[in-house]
């Protein structure tokens, strides 16, 4: 497929603003699913549907005809929660454009703004869209004006849709083809592919989802991953429809998957670069980071005889969640368990729920804490993530804890209460 007829894009929105429903309509209008098939196809985890959020990034390839020309539309679905902001940034880096979706009954909200800023940092072309225009309490014109002020665009440039009943969706698909830019990769350069997600298949091992920026990758070629320097042979390569669609090769600008006998998701890290083992590119794509736990908690089985089941369940969870870190722990009161690191509180809740639902292991989780950087009087620095491991107070010179710089946007009448809450949490007002 020529790059000029490819559009790689994502949908950015606050939770419950209709992102998954709009994705469903796209799939329906491009004939990947019909109306009677299950709603919210891209949100495949039960927990994702229940909480109305997208936890993992997914991707689907659609074909849309516009001006008598077939276009390939790669919708890269992004997590919507702050715990997964790094995954969002890598998914955005795989795109050239983004649909900024705002609920006409709710207006612009926090996650709308944070993901918009991430999209602008990645130089994405923004296509503003107001959703839920069919709701009786929708303030369509007010939301359009707010978006116009935020983006500095004309009100008539903002599109109106109802993802629920399909109104305006066909026009939006046309606008994606017309207004969002095509990829600009060099097909003759050494291959350079960004890993924006991966998942574990019980029979095939790790399935790596990639966006190819330059060159081409073919079945049978030997590839290298920059972060680990591991090498693998491509067993299968192809496109991502609702099912995997094997092909002979992927070329610059395309989005697809690679299966290469990779054993663990941690070996194919989000943000890493894939190239050829011989004759590949010299430098990886920028922006790779190791996942860094922000919240720590210990988990123990409620019934001690479930410990072996918990060991097995944690190993399986880790196969699909590279950002989960854990080590064995023994508590005098609670017995054998694990000390775990999570990206945030939502990540912790999801792991607890999955252990119960998918592996039938009910657990007790201790009160979450953060990591502390302790400087000892002998000059040594240690990172402590478990209060039980704190050194003797007489040996400590300083203790540092994580803090975050936040911008709080709030209606005037709530400023006093919000400032009081921030001060109670040891917040320091800067301006």
Protein backbone atom coordinates (compact mmCIF):
# COMPACT_ATOMS: atom_id res chain seq x y z
CA UNK A 1 0.00 0.00 0.00
CA UNK A 2 1.36 3.46 -0.95
CA UNK A 3 1.98 5.63 2.09
CA UNK A 4 -0.13 8.47 0.68
CA UNK A 5 -3.24 6.30 1.18
CA UNK A 6 -2.44 5.27 4.79
CA UNK A 7 -3.75 7.13 7.84
CA UNK A 8 -2.45 6.19 11.29
CA UNK A 9 -4.56 7.82 13.97
CA UNK A 10 -5.88 7.49 17.52
CA UNK A 11 -8.84 8.76 19.50
CA UNK A 12 -8.09 10.78 22.63
CA UNK A 13 -10.86 11.42 25.13
CA UNK A 14 -11.73 11.55 28.81
CA UNK A 15 -13.21 8.41 30.38
CA UNK A 16 -16.84 7.81 29.27
CA UNK A 17 -16.77 10.39 26.47
CA UNK A 18 -17.63 7.67 23.93
CA UNK A 19 -14.26 6.61 22.51
CA UNK A 20 -15.00 2.87 22.43
CA UNK A 21 -18.49 3.44 21.00
CA UNK A 22 -17.04 5.59 18.21
CA UNK A 23 -14.48 2.86 17.47
CA UNK A 24 -17.39 0.38 17.21
CA UNK A 25 -19.11 2.62 14.65
CA UNK A 26 -15.88 2.87 12.62
CA UNK A 27 -15.68 -0.93 12.54
CA UNK A 28 -19.32 -1.13 11.49
CA UNK A 29 -19.04 1.53 8.73
CA UNK A 30 -15.88 -0.09 7.31
CA UNK A 31 -17.66 -3.49 7.34
CA UNK A 32 -15.36 -5.22 9.85
CA UNK A 33 -18.33 -6.00 12.10
CA UNK A 34 -22.09 -5.77 11.71
CA UNK A 35 -24.49 -3.98 14.04
CA UNK A 36 -25.63 -7.09 15.91
CA UNK A 37 -22.09 -8.09 16.89
CA UNK A 38 -20.76 -7.36 20.33
CA UNK A 39 -20.32 -3.72 21.34
CA UNK A 40 -16.95 -2.21 22.17
CA UNK A 41 -14.87 -4.72 20.26
CA UNK A 42 -11.54 -3.07 21.00
CA UNK A 43 -12.08 -3.15 24.78
CA UNK A 44 -11.50 -6.89 25.05
CA UNK A 45 -10.80 -7.33 28.77
CA UNK A 46 -13.93 -7.71 30.95
CA UNK A 47 -12.44 -5.19 33.34
CA UNK A 48 -12.00 -2.65 30.55
CA UNK A 49 -15.66 -2.82 29.67
CA UNK A 50 -16.81 -2.74 33.27
CA UNK A 51 -14.72 0.28 34.25
CA UNK A 52 -15.29 1.99 30.88
CA UNK A 53 -11.58 2.41 30.28
CA UNK A 54 -9.02 1.00 27.91
CA UNK A 55 -6.13 -0.61 29.78
CA UNK A 56 -3.99 -1.97 26.96
CA UNK A 57 -3.40 -0.32 23.59
CA UNK A 58 -5.03 -2.16 20.71
CA UNK A 59 -5.01 -1.56 17.00
CA UNK A 60 -7.28 -2.36 14.09
CA UNK A 61 -6.84 -1.93 10.32
CA UNK A 62 -9.84 -0.68 8.36
CA UNK A 63 -10.43 0.03 4.67
CA UNK A 64 -12.49 3.11 3.74
CA UNK A 65 -13.35 4.37 0.24
CA UNK A 66 -13.06 8.13 -0.26
CA UNK A 67 -13.16 9.92 -3.63
CA UNK A 68 -13.05 6.54 -5.46
CA UNK A 69 -9.80 5.63 -3.67
CA UNK A 70 -9.36 2.99 -0.96
CA UNK A 71 -7.59 4.24 2.16
CA UNK A 72 -6.08 2.13 4.94
CA UNK A 73 -7.10 3.53 8.32
CA UNK A 74 -5.09 2.19 11.26
CA UNK A 75 -6.91 3.04 14.49
CA UNK A 76 -4.49 2.74 17.40
CA UNK A 77 -6.57 2.63 20.57
CA UNK A 78 -4.91 4.26 23.58
CA UNK A 79 -5.32 3.80 27.35
CA UNK A 80 -7.27 6.69 28.86
CA UNK A 81 -5.99 6.64 32.44
CA UNK A 82 -3.04 8.57 33.87
CA UNK A 83 -1.47 5.37 35.28
CA UNK A 84 -0.79 4.32 31.69
CA UNK A 85 0.49 7.65 30.34
CA UNK A 86 3.75 6.13 29.00
CA UNK A 87 1.76 3.57 26.98
CA UNK A 88 -0.35 6.47 25.68
CA UNK A 89 2.76 8.38 24.60
CA UNK A 90 4.13 5.39 22.65
CA UNK A 91 0.76 4.78 20.97
CA UNK A 92 0.63 8.47 20.01
CA UNK A 93 4.17 8.26 18.62
CA UNK A 94 2.86 5.61 16.19
CA UNK A 95 0.31 8.05 14.73
CA UNK A 96 0.28 11.12 12.50
CA UNK A 97 -3.12 12.36 13.63
CA UNK A 98 -5.58 12.23 16.52
CA UNK A 99 -9.32 12.65 16.91
CA UNK A 100 -9.95 14.81 19.99
CA UNK A 101 -13.33 13.54 21.20
CA UNK A 102 -15.36 15.59 23.69
CA UNK A 103 -18.74 14.69 25.20
CA UNK A 104 -21.20 17.53 24.48
CA UNK A 105 -22.95 16.91 27.81
CA UNK A 106 -19.75 16.97 29.90
CA UNK A 107 -17.43 19.39 28.08
CA UNK A 108 -13.63 19.38 28.20
CA UNK A 109 -12.29 17.38 31.18
CA UNK A 110 -8.92 16.61 32.77
CA UNK A 111 -7.89 13.58 30.71
CA UNK A 112 -8.96 15.38 27.53
CA UNK A 113 -6.38 18.06 28.26
CA UNK A 114 -3.52 15.83 29.43
CA UNK A 115 -3.77 13.54 26.40
CA UNK A 116 -4.19 16.52 24.06
CA UNK A 117 -0.90 17.96 25.36
CA UNK A 118 0.78 14.57 24.82
CA UNK A 119 -0.57 14.52 21.25
CA UNK A 120 0.70 18.03 20.57
CA UNK A 121 4.12 17.06 22.00
CA UNK A 122 4.18 14.31 19.34
CA UNK A 123 3.31 16.86 16.59
CA UNK A 124 0.02 15.13 15.79
CA UNK A 125 -2.58 16.78 13.58
CA UNK A 126 -5.69 17.25 15.75
CA UNK A 127 -9.19 16.64 14.39
CA UNK A 128 -11.67 18.04 16.98
CA UNK A 129 -15.00 16.20 17.32
CA UNK A 130 -18.00 16.79 19.60
CA UNK A 131 -19.79 13.55 20.52
CA UNK A 132 -23.19 12.67 22.06
CA UNK A 133 -24.99 15.45 20.17
CA UNK A 134 -28.19 13.37 20.43
CA UNK A 135 -28.44 13.72 24.23
CA UNK A 136 -31.19 16.05 25.53
CA UNK A 137 -28.75 17.77 27.93
CA UNK A 138 -25.99 18.18 25.32
CA UNK A 139 -24.56 21.71 25.09
CA UNK A 140 -23.23 21.32 21.55
CA UNK A 141 -22.60 24.99 20.76
CA UNK A 142 -21.00 25.68 24.15
CA UNK A 143 -18.66 22.68 23.77
CA UNK A 144 -17.75 23.74 20.22
CA UNK A 145 -16.88 27.23 21.47
CA UNK A 146 -14.73 25.79 24.30
CA UNK A 147 -12.87 23.55 21.83
CA UNK A 148 -12.43 26.45 19.42
CA UNK A 149 -10.90 28.57 22.21
CA UNK A 150 -8.66 25.68 23.36
CA UNK A 151 -7.30 24.78 19.91
CA UNK A 152 -7.43 28.19 18.24
CA UNK A 153 -9.51 26.82 15.37
CA UNK A 154 -12.75 28.04 13.77
CA UNK A 155 -16.00 26.64 15.24
CA UNK A 156 -17.02 25.35 11.78
CA UNK A 157 -13.86 23.18 11.67
CA UNK A 158 -15.17 21.13 14.62
CA UNK A 159 -17.16 18.05 13.62
CA UNK A 160 -20.35 16.82 15.32
CA UNK A 161 -21.20 13.14 15.76
CA UNK A 162 -23.36 10.77 17.72
CA UNK A 163 -21.31 7.60 18.09
CA UNK A 164 -24.36 5.90 19.57
CA UNK A 165 -26.68 6.29 16.56
CA UNK A 166 -24.02 6.81 13.87
CA UNK A 167 -24.87 10.40 12.95
CA UNK A 168 -21.86 12.16 11.37
CA UNK A 169 -19.60 9.07 11.49
CA UNK A 170 -19.34 8.63 7.68
CA UNK A 171 -18.34 12.32 7.35
CA UNK A 172 -15.74 11.82 10.09
CA UNK A 173 -14.19 8.85 8.22
CA UNK A 174 -14.00 11.05 5.10
CA UNK A 175 -12.37 13.84 7.14
CA UNK A 176 -9.71 11.42 8.44
CA UNK A 177 -8.73 10.68 4.82
CA UNK A 178 -8.87 14.35 3.81
CA UNK A 179 -7.40 16.20 6.79
CA UNK A 180 -4.99 13.87 8.60
CA UNK A 181 -1.47 13.56 7.13
CA UNK A 182 -0.02 10.44 5.51
CA UNK A 183 3.15 8.74 6.86
CA UNK A 184 6.46 10.02 5.47
CA UNK A 185 8.77 7.01 5.88
CA UNK A 186 11.69 6.06 3.63
CA UNK A 187 10.95 2.60 2.23
CA UNK A 188 14.56 2.19 0.98
CA UNK A 189 16.19 2.91 4.37
CA UNK A 190 17.09 0.16 6.89
CA UNK A 191 13.94 -0.93 8.75
CA UNK A 192 12.97 0.90 11.93
CA UNK A 193 9.84 -0.24 13.81
CA UNK A 194 8.38 1.06 17.09
CA UNK A 195 6.80 -1.40 19.55
CA UNK A 196 3.64 0.29 20.86
CA UNK A 197 2.11 -2.77 22.52
CA UNK A 198 2.41 -6.54 22.88
CA UNK A 199 0.37 -9.38 24.28
CA UNK A 200 1.01 -12.99 25.21
CA UNK A 201 -0.58 -15.85 23.27
CA UNK A 202 -0.52 -19.27 24.97
CA UNK A 203 0.35 -21.04 21.70
CA UNK A 204 2.46 -18.48 19.80
CA UNK A 205 4.33 -16.63 22.54
CA UNK A 206 4.50 -12.83 22.45
CA UNK A 207 2.66 -11.03 19.65
CA UNK A 208 4.38 -7.66 19.14
CA UNK A 209 2.39 -4.72 17.73
CA UNK A 210 4.56 -2.36 15.69
CA UNK A 211 4.50 0.77 13.57
CA UNK A 212 7.10 0.62 10.78
CA UNK A 213 8.68 4.05 10.20
CA UNK A 214 11.31 3.17 7.57
CA UNK A 215 12.22 0.24 5.32
CA UNK A 216 10.47 -3.12 5.23
CA UNK A 217 10.40 -6.28 7.35
CA UNK A 218 9.74 -9.72 5.84
CA UNK A 219 8.80 -13.12 7.17
CA UNK A 220 11.94 -15.20 7.89
CA UNK A 221 14.26 -12.23 8.49
CA UNK A 222 16.37 -12.02 11.65
CA UNK A 223 15.57 -8.99 13.78
CA UNK A 224 17.16 -7.23 16.75
CA UNK A 225 15.51 -5.37 19.66
CA UNK A 226 17.61 -2.40 20.79
CA UNK A 227 16.75 -2.36 24.54
CA UNK A 228 17.65 -6.00 25.22
CA UNK A 229 19.92 -6.59 22.18
CA UNK A 230 18.17 -9.95 21.75
CA UNK A 231 17.78 -11.40 18.25
CA UNK A 232 14.85 -13.38 16.83
CA UNK A 233 13.63 -14.82 13.53
CA UNK A 234 10.28 -13.50 12.26
CA UNK A 235 7.94 -16.51 12.16
CA UNK A 236 4.87 -14.52 11.12
CA UNK A 237 4.19 -10.91 10.15
CA UNK A 238 0.98 -9.22 9.11
CA UNK A 239 -1.88 -6.79 9.64
CA UNK A 240 -4.23 -6.38 12.58
CA UNK A 241 -7.87 -6.64 11.67
CA UNK A 242 -10.15 -8.07 14.30
CA UNK A 243 -8.01 -11.16 13.80
CA UNK A 244 -4.36 -11.50 12.82
CA UNK A 245 -3.97 -11.42 9.02
CA UNK A 246 -0.58 -12.90 7.94
CA UNK A 247 1.34 -11.17 5.10
CA UNK A 248 4.74 -11.60 3.47
CA UNK A 249 6.02 -8.19 4.64
CA UNK A 250 5.30 -4.86 6.31
CA UNK A 251 6.55 -1.65 4.68
CA UNK A 252 7.22 1.92 5.86
CA UNK A 253 4.12 3.67 7.19
CA UNK A 254 2.24 0.47 7.97
CA UNK A 255 1.04 -0.87 11.32
CA UNK A 256 1.00 -4.59 12.06
CA UNK A 257 2.20 -7.45 14.22
CA UNK A 258 5.28 -9.66 14.48
CA UNK A 259 5.52 -13.16 16.00
CA UNK A 260 9.12 -14.24 16.56
CA UNK A 261 9.21 -16.87 19.33
CA UNK A 262 9.62 -14.21 22.04
CA UNK A 263 8.97 -15.85 25.41
CA UNK A 264 7.91 -12.93 27.64
CA UNK A 265 6.26 -9.56 27.13
CA UNK A 266 9.11 -8.02 29.17
CA UNK A 267 11.48 -8.97 26.31
CA UNK A 268 9.44 -6.85 23.85
CA UNK A 269 9.13 -3.61 25.76
CA UNK A 270 6.75 -0.83 24.81
CA UNK A 271 8.76 1.97 23.17
CA UNK A 272 11.62 -0.26 22.02
CA UNK A 273 12.86 -0.27 18.40
CA UNK A 274 13.06 -3.29 16.08
CA UNK A 275 15.48 -3.46 13.15
CA UNK A 276 17.39 -6.12 11.20
CA UNK A 277 20.09 -8.02 13.09
CA UNK A 278 22.45 -7.37 10.14
CA UNK A 279 22.25 -4.23 8.03
CA UNK A 280 19.72 -2.60 10.35
CA UNK A 281 19.45 1.02 11.46
CA UNK A 282 22.17 2.52 13.67
CA UNK A 283 20.01 4.46 16.15
CA UNK A 284 16.74 3.48 17.89
CA UNK A 285 13.66 5.68 17.79
CA UNK A 286 13.69 8.24 20.65
CA UNK A 287 11.56 8.13 23.79
CA UNK A 288 12.11 4.64 25.24
CA UNK A 289 11.75 4.37 29.03
CA UNK A 290 11.85 1.46 31.43
CA UNK A 291 8.52 1.07 33.27
CA UNK A 292 8.94 2.55 36.75
CA UNK A 293 6.73 1.51 39.69
CA UNK A 294 5.18 4.43 41.58
CA UNK A 295 3.07 2.58 44.18
CA UNK A 296 4.05 -0.46 46.28
CA UNK A 297 1.83 -2.93 48.10
CA UNK A 298 2.21 -6.46 49.47
CA UNK A 299 -0.29 -9.12 48.47
CA UNK A 300 -1.01 -12.36 50.32
CA UNK A 301 -3.50 -15.16 49.63
CA UNK A 302 -6.47 -15.13 52.02
CA UNK A 303 -6.10 -18.91 52.32
CA UNK A 304 -2.48 -19.99 52.83
CA UNK A 305 -3.06 -23.15 50.74
CA UNK A 306 -3.65 -20.82 47.74
CA UNK A 307 0.00 -19.68 47.79
CA UNK A 308 1.14 -21.98 44.96
CA UNK A 309 -1.85 -20.82 42.89
CA UNK A 310 -0.82 -17.21 43.56
CA UNK A 311 2.77 -17.95 42.45
CA UNK A 312 1.46 -19.37 39.17
CA UNK A 313 -1.06 -16.54 38.70
CA UNK A 314 1.59 -13.83 39.23
CA UNK A 315 3.89 -15.48 36.67
CA UNK A 316 1.05 -15.56 34.12
CA UNK A 317 0.06 -11.94 34.84
CA UNK A 318 3.67 -10.88 34.33
CA UNK A 319 3.65 -12.51 30.87
CA UNK A 320 1.05 -9.95 29.79
CA UNK A 321 2.01 -6.98 31.98
CA UNK A 322 5.63 -5.90 31.71
CA UNK A 323 5.08 -2.94 34.08
CA UNK A 324 4.21 -5.22 37.02
CA UNK A 325 7.24 -5.94 39.24
CA UNK A 326 7.24 -8.23 42.26
CA UNK A 327 9.42 -10.24 44.62
CA UNK A 328 8.63 -12.89 47.22
CA UNK A 329 7.94 -11.73 50.76
CA UNK A 330 7.33 -13.45 54.09
CA UNK A 331 5.22 -11.78 56.79
CA UNK A 332 4.99 -13.05 60.37
CA UNK A 333 1.28 -12.16 60.43
CA UNK A 334 0.16 -12.95 56.86
CA UNK A 335 2.53 -15.70 55.74
CA UNK A 336 4.05 -16.02 52.26
CA UNK A 337 3.18 -13.50 49.55
CA UNK A 338 4.68 -10.90 47.21
CA UNK A 339 5.87 -7.30 47.46
CA UNK A 340 4.64 -5.66 44.23
CA UNK A 341 5.29 -2.41 42.39
CA UNK A 342 2.52 -0.78 40.31
CA UNK A 343 2.24 2.19 37.95
CA UNK A 344 -0.50 3.68 40.15
CA UNK A 345 -3.59 2.94 42.20
CA UNK A 346 -5.72 1.90 39.22
CA UNK A 347 -3.02 -0.56 38.11
CA UNK A 348 -3.07 -2.07 41.63
CA UNK A 349 -6.89 -2.41 41.56
CA UNK A 350 -6.79 -4.08 38.14
CA UNK A 351 -4.18 -6.65 39.24
CA UNK A 352 -6.22 -7.47 42.38
CA UNK A 353 -9.39 -7.91 40.30
CA UNK A 354 -7.65 -10.06 37.68
CA UNK A 355 -6.16 -12.37 40.33
CA UNK A 356 -9.66 -12.98 41.66
CA UNK A 357 -11.55 -13.22 38.35
CA UNK A 358 -9.12 -14.92 36.01
CA UNK A 359 -7.19 -17.08 38.49
CA UNK A 360 -9.72 -17.43 41.34
CA UNK A 361 -7.16 -16.38 43.98
CA UNK A 362 -8.69 -14.06 46.62
CA UNK A 363 -5.97 -11.89 48.18
CA UNK A 364 -5.29 -9.38 50.93
CA UNK A 365 -3.38 -6.25 49.84
CA UNK A 366 -1.52 -4.09 52.37
CA UNK A 367 -1.90 -0.31 52.47
CA UNK A 368 -0.15 1.12 49.38
CA UNK A 369 3.02 3.14 49.89
CA UNK A 370 5.61 4.91 47.75
CA UNK A 371 9.35 4.38 47.47
CA UNK A 372 11.68 6.41 49.72
CA UNK A 373 15.24 7.39 48.82
CA UNK A 374 17.27 7.26 52.03
CA UNK A 375 20.73 8.77 52.39
CA UNK A 376 22.69 7.16 55.21
CA UNK A 377 25.29 8.95 57.31
CA UNK A 378 28.03 6.85 55.68
CA UNK A 379 27.09 8.43 52.29
CA UNK A 380 25.30 5.37 50.90
CA UNK A 381 21.90 5.86 49.20
CA UNK A 382 19.21 3.14 49.33
CA UNK A 383 15.74 2.97 47.78
CA UNK A 384 13.23 1.49 50.23
CA UNK A 385 9.76 0.45 49.07
CA UNK A 386 8.71 -1.49 52.17
CA UNK A 387 8.33 0.25 55.58
CA UNK A 388 9.57 -2.95 57.26
CA UNK A 389 12.97 -2.45 55.56
CA UNK A 390 13.66 1.04 56.97
CA UNK A 391 17.17 1.23 58.48
CA UNK A 392 17.90 2.23 62.07
CA UNK A 393 16.85 5.94 62.42
CA UNK A 394 20.23 6.79 63.99
CA UNK A 395 21.93 5.82 60.71
CA UNK A 396 19.75 8.06 58.49
CA UNK A 397 20.87 11.49 57.28
CA UNK A 398 17.95 12.38 54.94
CA UNK A 399 14.77 10.78 53.57
CA UNK A 400 13.35 11.84 50.19
CA UNK A 401 9.90 10.90 48.89
CA UNK A 402 8.38 11.32 45.39
CA UNK A 403 6.29 14.40 44.68
CA UNK A 404 4.46 15.57 41.61
CA UNK A 405 3.90 18.97 40.06
CA UNK A 406 0.23 19.33 39.14
CA UNK A 407 -1.92 21.97 37.50
CA UNK A 408 -5.41 22.06 39.03
CA UNK A 409 -8.15 23.64 36.91
CA UNK A 410 -11.27 24.15 38.99
CA UNK A 411 -14.46 26.31 39.00
CA UNK A 412 -14.05 29.46 41.10
CA UNK A 413 -16.55 28.40 43.78
CA UNK A 414 -14.45 25.31 44.64
CA UNK A 415 -11.03 26.99 44.89
CA UNK A 416 -11.13 27.31 48.70
CA UNK A 417 -12.04 23.66 49.30
CA UNK A 418 -9.48 22.40 46.78
CA UNK A 419 -6.70 24.52 48.31
CA UNK A 420 -7.65 23.20 51.77
CA UNK A 421 -7.50 19.62 50.49
CA UNK A 422 -4.11 20.23 48.84
CA UNK A 423 -2.69 21.76 52.04
CA UNK A 424 -3.96 18.81 54.11
CA UNK A 425 -1.96 16.59 51.73
CA UNK A 426 1.17 18.73 52.25
CA UNK A 427 0.71 20.53 48.94
CA UNK A 428 2.69 23.71 48.29
CA UNK A 429 1.03 26.39 46.12
CA UNK A 430 3.48 27.80 43.57
CA UNK A 431 1.29 30.46 41.92
